[in-house]
Amino acid sequence: MHCLWLVVAIVVVGCITPASAQVENVNRTASGQPDTDIRVGVYVNVRPDCTSGPLPSIRLTSPPENGKVTVKKAKVTATNYKQCLALEVPAFIALYRSRTDFVGVDVVTLEVKFPDQIGGWS
């Protein structure tokens, strides 16, 4: 039995964070088996008082050639995150799924924009 793997290169561009209001490029790599959901990003907005802020907008700026990207809404539970001892907040989870017959490297680019500190969108 052969174990087939694929690698997904994820580029998050235009990531504007509330604290810095600067654009940050983030490169990530994820791997998994063909035709299975591979988590490529989890996006939350946790305020200093440990409550949830508005979730970011996520835009697919460069789709993968050999699969598709979906975003699902979920709840994230965490302990000892920054100054928050325990929290549960909504999140967006980005998933990649390749074609059934694809083995190799695929690339996807997401643009993630977090709301600014004033309450608008950057």
N, C-alpha and C. Protein backbone atom coordinates (compact mmCIF):
# COMPACT_ATOMS: atom_id res chain seq x y z
N MET A 1 0.85 -1.17 0.00
CA MET A 1 0.00 0.00 0.00
C MET A 1 0.89 1.23 0.00
N HIS A 2 0.60 2.17 -0.90
CA HIS A 2 1.38 3.40 -0.99
C HIS A 2 0.71 4.48 -0.17
N CYS A 3 1.52 5.25 0.53
CA CYS A 3 1.04 6.40 1.26
C CYS A 3 1.35 7.63 0.43
N LEU A 4 0.37 8.25 -0.14
CA LEU A 4 0.57 9.42 -0.99
C LEU A 4 0.37 10.68 -0.16
N TRP A 5 1.26 11.64 -0.32
CA TRP A 5 1.18 12.89 0.43
C TRP A 5 1.26 14.07 -0.52
N LEU A 6 0.69 15.15 -0.10
CA LEU A 6 0.83 16.38 -0.85
C LEU A 6 1.19 17.48 0.12
N VAL A 7 1.78 18.52 -0.42
CA VAL A 7 2.18 19.67 0.38
C VAL A 7 1.45 20.89 -0.16
N VAL A 8 0.89 21.67 0.74
CA VAL A 8 0.20 22.89 0.36
C VAL A 8 1.02 24.05 0.91
N ALA A 9 1.42 24.95 0.05
CA ALA A 9 2.11 26.16 0.47
C ALA A 9 1.07 27.27 0.57
N ILE A 10 0.95 27.87 1.74
CA ILE A 10 -0.05 28.89 1.96
C ILE A 10 0.65 30.22 2.15
N VAL A 11 0.19 31.22 1.43
CA VAL A 11 0.73 32.57 1.60
C VAL A 11 -0.43 33.44 2.06
N VAL A 12 -0.30 34.02 3.24
CA VAL A 12 -1.30 34.95 3.73
C VAL A 12 -0.73 36.34 3.50
N VAL A 13 -1.40 37.13 2.67
CA VAL A 13 -0.92 38.47 2.38
C VAL A 13 -1.95 39.50 2.83
N GLY A 14 -1.48 40.69 3.04
CA GLY A 14 -2.38 41.76 3.44
C GLY A 14 -2.98 41.52 4.80
N CYS A 15 -2.26 40.82 5.63
CA CYS A 15 -2.74 40.55 6.98
C CYS A 15 -2.55 41.82 7.79
N ILE A 16 -3.64 42.51 8.06
CA ILE A 16 -3.56 43.78 8.78
C ILE A 16 -4.08 43.54 10.19
N THR A 17 -3.20 43.70 11.15
CA THR A 17 -3.56 43.43 12.53
C THR A 17 -4.00 44.70 13.23
N PRO A 18 -4.87 44.60 14.24
CA PRO A 18 -5.35 45.78 14.94
C PRO A 18 -4.22 46.55 15.64
N ALA A 19 -3.27 45.84 16.20
CA ALA A 19 -2.24 46.51 16.98
C ALA A 19 -1.27 47.29 16.11
N SER A 20 -0.88 46.75 15.00
CA SER A 20 0.17 47.40 14.22
C SER A 20 -0.35 48.20 13.04
N ALA A 21 -1.50 47.84 12.49
CA ALA A 21 -2.05 48.46 11.29
C ALA A 21 -1.05 48.42 10.13
N GLN A 22 -0.17 47.44 10.14
CA GLN A 22 0.80 47.27 9.08
C GLN A 22 0.52 45.96 8.36
N VAL A 23 0.87 45.93 7.09
CA VAL A 23 0.69 44.73 6.29
C VAL A 23 1.80 43.75 6.63
N GLU A 24 1.41 42.50 6.83
CA GLU A 24 2.37 41.45 7.18
C GLU A 24 2.13 40.26 6.27
N ASN A 25 3.17 39.75 5.65
CA ASN A 25 3.07 38.54 4.84
C ASN A 25 3.48 37.35 5.69
N VAL A 26 2.67 36.31 5.64
CA VAL A 26 2.94 35.09 6.41
C VAL A 26 2.97 33.92 5.44
N ASN A 27 4.03 33.14 5.47
CA ASN A 27 4.13 31.94 4.63
C ASN A 27 4.02 30.72 5.52
N ARG A 28 3.16 29.79 5.13
CA ARG A 28 2.98 28.55 5.89
C ARG A 28 2.97 27.39 4.92
N THR A 29 3.29 26.22 5.45
CA THR A 29 3.23 25.00 4.68
C THR A 29 2.44 23.97 5.47
N ALA A 30 1.57 23.25 4.79
CA ALA A 30 0.80 22.18 5.42
C ALA A 30 0.87 20.97 4.50
N SER A 31 0.78 19.79 5.08
CA SER A 31 0.82 18.58 4.25
C SER A 31 -0.24 17.60 4.72
N GLY A 32 -0.61 16.71 3.84
CA GLY A 32 -1.61 15.71 4.16
C GLY A 32 -1.86 14.81 2.97
N GLN A 33 -2.83 13.95 3.11
CA GLN A 33 -3.16 13.02 2.05
C GLN A 33 -4.13 13.65 1.06
N PRO A 34 -4.10 13.19 -0.19
CA PRO A 34 -5.02 13.72 -1.19
C PRO A 34 -6.49 13.51 -0.80
N ASP A 35 -7.33 14.43 -1.25
CA ASP A 35 -8.77 14.36 -1.06
C ASP A 35 -9.19 14.29 0.42
N THR A 36 -8.44 14.97 1.27
CA THR A 36 -8.81 15.12 2.68
C THR A 36 -8.68 16.59 3.04
N ASP A 37 -9.47 17.05 4.01
CA ASP A 37 -9.36 18.44 4.45
C ASP A 37 -8.06 18.64 5.21
N ILE A 38 -7.30 19.66 4.81
CA ILE A 38 -6.05 20.02 5.46
C ILE A 38 -6.22 21.43 6.00
N ARG A 39 -6.07 21.60 7.30
CA ARG A 39 -6.23 22.92 7.91
C ARG A 39 -5.05 23.79 7.53
N VAL A 40 -5.33 24.94 6.92
CA VAL A 40 -4.27 25.84 6.50
C VAL A 40 -4.26 27.14 7.29
N GLY A 41 -5.27 27.38 8.11
CA GLY A 41 -5.27 28.59 8.93
C GLY A 41 -6.43 28.62 9.90
N VAL A 42 -6.20 29.19 11.07
CA VAL A 42 -7.24 29.44 12.07
C VAL A 42 -7.15 30.92 12.41
N TYR A 43 -8.27 31.62 12.29
CA TYR A 43 -8.27 33.07 12.47
C TYR A 43 -9.26 33.47 13.54
N VAL A 44 -8.76 34.10 14.60
CA VAL A 44 -9.57 34.59 15.71
C VAL A 44 -9.21 36.06 15.95
N ASN A 45 -10.04 36.74 16.74
CA ASN A 45 -9.76 38.11 17.14
C ASN A 45 -10.07 38.20 18.63
N VAL A 46 -9.02 38.12 19.45
CA VAL A 46 -9.19 38.14 20.90
C VAL A 46 -8.78 39.52 21.41
N ARG A 47 -9.69 40.18 22.11
CA ARG A 47 -9.44 41.50 22.67
C ARG A 47 -8.64 41.38 23.97
N PRO A 48 -8.05 42.48 24.43
CA PRO A 48 -7.28 42.45 25.68
C PRO A 48 -8.09 41.99 26.90
N ASP A 49 -9.43 42.18 26.86
CA ASP A 49 -10.26 41.74 27.99
C ASP A 49 -10.73 40.29 27.81
N CYS A 50 -10.13 39.57 26.86
CA CYS A 50 -10.38 38.15 26.61
C CYS A 50 -11.73 37.86 25.95
N THR A 51 -12.42 38.86 25.46
CA THR A 51 -13.64 38.65 24.70
C THR A 51 -13.28 38.63 23.21
N SER A 52 -14.24 38.20 22.42
CA SER A 52 -14.00 38.13 20.97
C SER A 52 -14.31 39.45 20.32
N GLY A 53 -13.43 39.85 19.41
CA GLY A 53 -13.70 40.99 18.54
C GLY A 53 -14.26 40.47 17.23
N PRO A 54 -14.56 41.38 16.31
CA PRO A 54 -15.07 40.95 15.01
C PRO A 54 -14.06 40.06 14.28
N LEU A 55 -14.56 39.05 13.61
CA LEU A 55 -13.67 38.17 12.85
C LEU A 55 -13.15 38.88 11.61
N PRO A 56 -12.00 38.44 11.12
CA PRO A 56 -11.44 39.09 9.93
C PRO A 56 -12.20 38.72 8.67
N SER A 57 -11.98 39.51 7.64
CA SER A 57 -12.47 39.11 6.32
C SER A 57 -11.36 38.29 5.67
N ILE A 58 -11.75 37.28 4.91
CA ILE A 58 -10.79 36.39 4.25
C ILE A 58 -11.15 36.32 2.78
N ARG A 59 -10.16 36.60 1.94
CA ARG A 59 -10.39 36.59 0.49
C ARG A 59 -9.36 35.69 -0.17
N LEU A 60 -9.82 34.86 -1.08
CA LEU A 60 -8.94 33.97 -1.85
C LEU A 60 -8.39 34.78 -3.02
N THR A 61 -7.11 35.20 -2.93
CA THR A 61 -6.54 36.04 -3.98
C THR A 61 -5.84 35.22 -5.05
N SER A 62 -5.40 34.02 -4.73
CA SER A 62 -4.78 33.14 -5.71
C SER A 62 -5.22 31.71 -5.39
N PRO A 63 -6.19 31.19 -6.14
CA PRO A 63 -6.69 29.85 -5.84
C PRO A 63 -5.69 28.76 -6.17
N PRO A 64 -5.80 27.62 -5.51
CA PRO A 64 -4.92 26.50 -5.83
C PRO A 64 -5.27 25.92 -7.20
N GLU A 65 -4.28 25.37 -7.88
CA GLU A 65 -4.52 24.79 -9.20
C GLU A 65 -5.07 23.37 -9.12
N ASN A 66 -4.85 22.69 -7.99
CA ASN A 66 -5.18 21.27 -7.91
C ASN A 66 -6.13 20.92 -6.78
N GLY A 67 -6.89 21.90 -6.32
CA GLY A 67 -7.82 21.63 -5.23
C GLY A 67 -8.70 22.84 -4.99
N LYS A 68 -9.29 22.89 -3.80
CA LYS A 68 -10.14 24.03 -3.46
C LYS A 68 -9.94 24.40 -1.99
N VAL A 69 -10.27 25.64 -1.68
CA VAL A 69 -10.18 26.16 -0.32
C VAL A 69 -11.59 26.49 0.15
N THR A 70 -11.90 26.11 1.38
CA THR A 70 -13.17 26.48 2.00
C THR A 70 -12.87 27.09 3.35
N VAL A 71 -13.79 27.91 3.83
CA VAL A 71 -13.67 28.50 5.17
C VAL A 71 -14.91 28.11 5.95
N LYS A 72 -14.69 27.62 7.16
CA LYS A 72 -15.79 27.23 8.04
C LYS A 72 -15.73 28.05 9.31
N LYS A 73 -16.89 28.29 9.89
CA LYS A 73 -16.96 28.99 11.17
C LYS A 73 -16.93 27.96 12.28
N ALA A 74 -16.19 28.25 13.34
CA ALA A 74 -16.05 27.31 14.44
C ALA A 74 -15.88 28.08 15.75
N LYS A 75 -15.80 27.35 16.84
CA LYS A 75 -15.46 27.94 18.14
C LYS A 75 -14.12 27.38 18.56
N VAL A 76 -13.27 28.27 19.06
CA VAL A 76 -11.95 27.87 19.53
C VAL A 76 -11.93 28.04 21.05
N THR A 77 -11.50 27.01 21.73
CA THR A 77 -11.32 27.05 23.18
C THR A 77 -9.83 27.02 23.45
N ALA A 78 -9.38 27.92 24.31
CA ALA A 78 -7.95 27.98 24.61
C ALA A 78 -7.73 28.30 26.07
N THR A 79 -6.59 27.85 26.58
CA THR A 79 -6.16 28.22 27.92
C THR A 79 -4.77 28.83 27.83
N ASN A 80 -4.51 29.76 28.74
CA ASN A 80 -3.20 30.41 28.83
C ASN A 80 -2.79 31.06 27.51
N TYR A 81 -3.73 31.76 26.89
CA TYR A 81 -3.47 32.49 25.65
C TYR A 81 -3.27 33.96 26.01
N LYS A 82 -2.04 34.44 25.84
CA LYS A 82 -1.67 35.80 26.26
C LYS A 82 -2.08 35.98 27.71
N GLN A 83 -2.86 37.02 28.04
CA GLN A 83 -3.26 37.24 29.43
C GLN A 83 -4.55 36.50 29.78
N CYS A 84 -5.13 35.77 28.86
CA CYS A 84 -6.39 35.07 29.08
C CYS A 84 -6.11 33.66 29.60
N LEU A 85 -6.60 33.37 30.78
CA LEU A 85 -6.38 32.05 31.36
C LEU A 85 -7.26 30.99 30.70
N ALA A 86 -8.47 31.38 30.30
CA ALA A 86 -9.36 30.46 29.59
C ALA A 86 -10.32 31.28 28.74
N LEU A 87 -10.57 30.82 27.53
CA LEU A 87 -11.50 31.55 26.67
C LEU A 87 -12.11 30.62 25.64
N GLU A 88 -13.26 31.05 25.13
CA GLU A 88 -13.91 30.38 24.01
C GLU A 88 -14.40 31.48 23.09
N VAL A 89 -13.90 31.48 21.86
CA VAL A 89 -14.22 32.55 20.91
C VAL A 89 -14.55 31.95 19.55
N PRO A 90 -15.34 32.70 18.75
CA PRO A 90 -15.60 32.24 17.39
C PRO A 90 -14.33 32.36 16.55
N ALA A 91 -14.27 31.57 15.49
CA ALA A 91 -13.10 31.58 14.62
C ALA A 91 -13.51 31.20 13.21
N PHE A 92 -12.65 31.56 12.26
CA PHE A 92 -12.75 31.05 10.91
C PHE A 92 -11.61 30.05 10.73
N ILE A 93 -11.90 28.91 10.11
CA ILE A 93 -10.88 27.90 9.84
C ILE A 93 -10.83 27.70 8.33
N ALA A 94 -9.66 27.92 7.74
CA ALA A 94 -9.47 27.73 6.31
C ALA A 94 -8.97 26.31 6.06
N LEU A 95 -9.61 25.62 5.11
CA LEU A 95 -9.28 24.24 4.79
C LEU A 95 -8.96 24.11 3.30
N TYR A 96 -8.00 23.27 2.99
CA TYR A 96 -7.64 22.96 1.61
C TYR A 96 -7.94 21.49 1.36
N ARG A 97 -8.51 21.19 0.19
CA ARG A 97 -8.76 19.79 -0.23
C ARG A 97 -8.32 19.65 -1.68
N SER A 98 -7.40 18.73 -1.91
CA SER A 98 -6.89 18.51 -3.27
C SER A 98 -7.84 17.61 -4.05
N ARG A 99 -7.60 17.57 -5.35
CA ARG A 99 -8.29 16.58 -6.18
C ARG A 99 -7.89 15.18 -5.70
N THR A 100 -8.72 14.22 -5.96
CA THR A 100 -8.48 12.84 -5.53
C THR A 100 -7.17 12.28 -6.06
N ASP A 101 -6.83 12.61 -7.30
CA ASP A 101 -5.66 12.03 -7.95
C ASP A 101 -4.40 12.89 -7.84
N PHE A 102 -4.44 13.98 -7.08
CA PHE A 102 -3.29 14.90 -7.04
C PHE A 102 -2.30 14.53 -5.94
N VAL A 103 -1.03 14.47 -6.32
CA VAL A 103 0.08 14.30 -5.38
C VAL A 103 1.14 15.29 -5.80
N GLY A 104 1.59 16.14 -4.90
CA GLY A 104 2.59 17.14 -5.24
C GLY A 104 2.43 18.38 -4.39
N VAL A 105 2.87 19.51 -4.93
CA VAL A 105 2.83 20.78 -4.21
C VAL A 105 1.79 21.68 -4.88
N ASP A 106 0.94 22.28 -4.07
CA ASP A 106 -0.05 23.24 -4.56
C ASP A 106 0.12 24.52 -3.74
N VAL A 107 -0.22 25.65 -4.32
CA VAL A 107 -0.04 26.94 -3.66
C VAL A 107 -1.36 27.69 -3.64
N VAL A 108 -1.67 28.30 -2.50
CA VAL A 108 -2.88 29.11 -2.35
C VAL A 108 -2.48 30.40 -1.65
N THR A 109 -3.14 31.50 -2.03
CA THR A 109 -2.88 32.78 -1.37
C THR A 109 -4.19 33.33 -0.82
N LEU A 110 -4.18 33.64 0.48
CA LEU A 110 -5.34 34.23 1.15
C LEU A 110 -5.00 35.64 1.59
N GLU A 111 -5.97 36.53 1.51
CA GLU A 111 -5.82 37.87 2.07
C GLU A 111 -6.72 37.93 3.29
N VAL A 112 -6.12 38.22 4.45
CA VAL A 112 -6.85 38.26 5.70
C VAL A 112 -6.76 39.67 6.25
N LYS A 113 -7.91 40.29 6.49
CA LYS A 113 -7.94 41.65 7.03
C LYS A 113 -8.67 41.64 8.37
N PHE A 114 -7.94 42.02 9.40
CA PHE A 114 -8.52 42.15 10.72
C PHE A 114 -9.04 43.58 10.89
N PRO A 115 -10.11 43.77 11.67
CA PRO A 115 -10.62 45.11 11.90
C PRO A 115 -9.59 45.96 12.64
N ASP A 116 -9.63 47.27 12.39
CA ASP A 116 -8.69 48.15 13.10
C ASP A 116 -9.22 48.48 14.49
N GLN A 117 -8.44 49.21 15.26
CA GLN A 117 -8.78 49.48 16.65
C GLN A 117 -9.99 50.40 16.80
N ILE A 118 -10.30 51.18 15.78
CA ILE A 118 -11.39 52.14 15.88
C ILE A 118 -12.74 51.47 15.61
N GLY A 119 -12.73 50.30 15.08
CA GLY A 119 -13.97 49.58 14.83
C GLY A 119 -14.31 49.47 13.36
N GLY A 120 -13.53 50.11 12.50
CA GLY A 120 -13.76 49.98 11.06
C GLY A 120 -12.86 48.89 10.52
N TRP A 121 -12.79 48.79 9.21
CA TRP A 121 -11.93 47.80 8.58
C TRP A 121 -10.80 48.53 7.91
N SER A 122 -9.62 47.97 8.01
CA SER A 122 -8.45 48.58 7.37
C SER A 122 -8.43 48.24 5.90
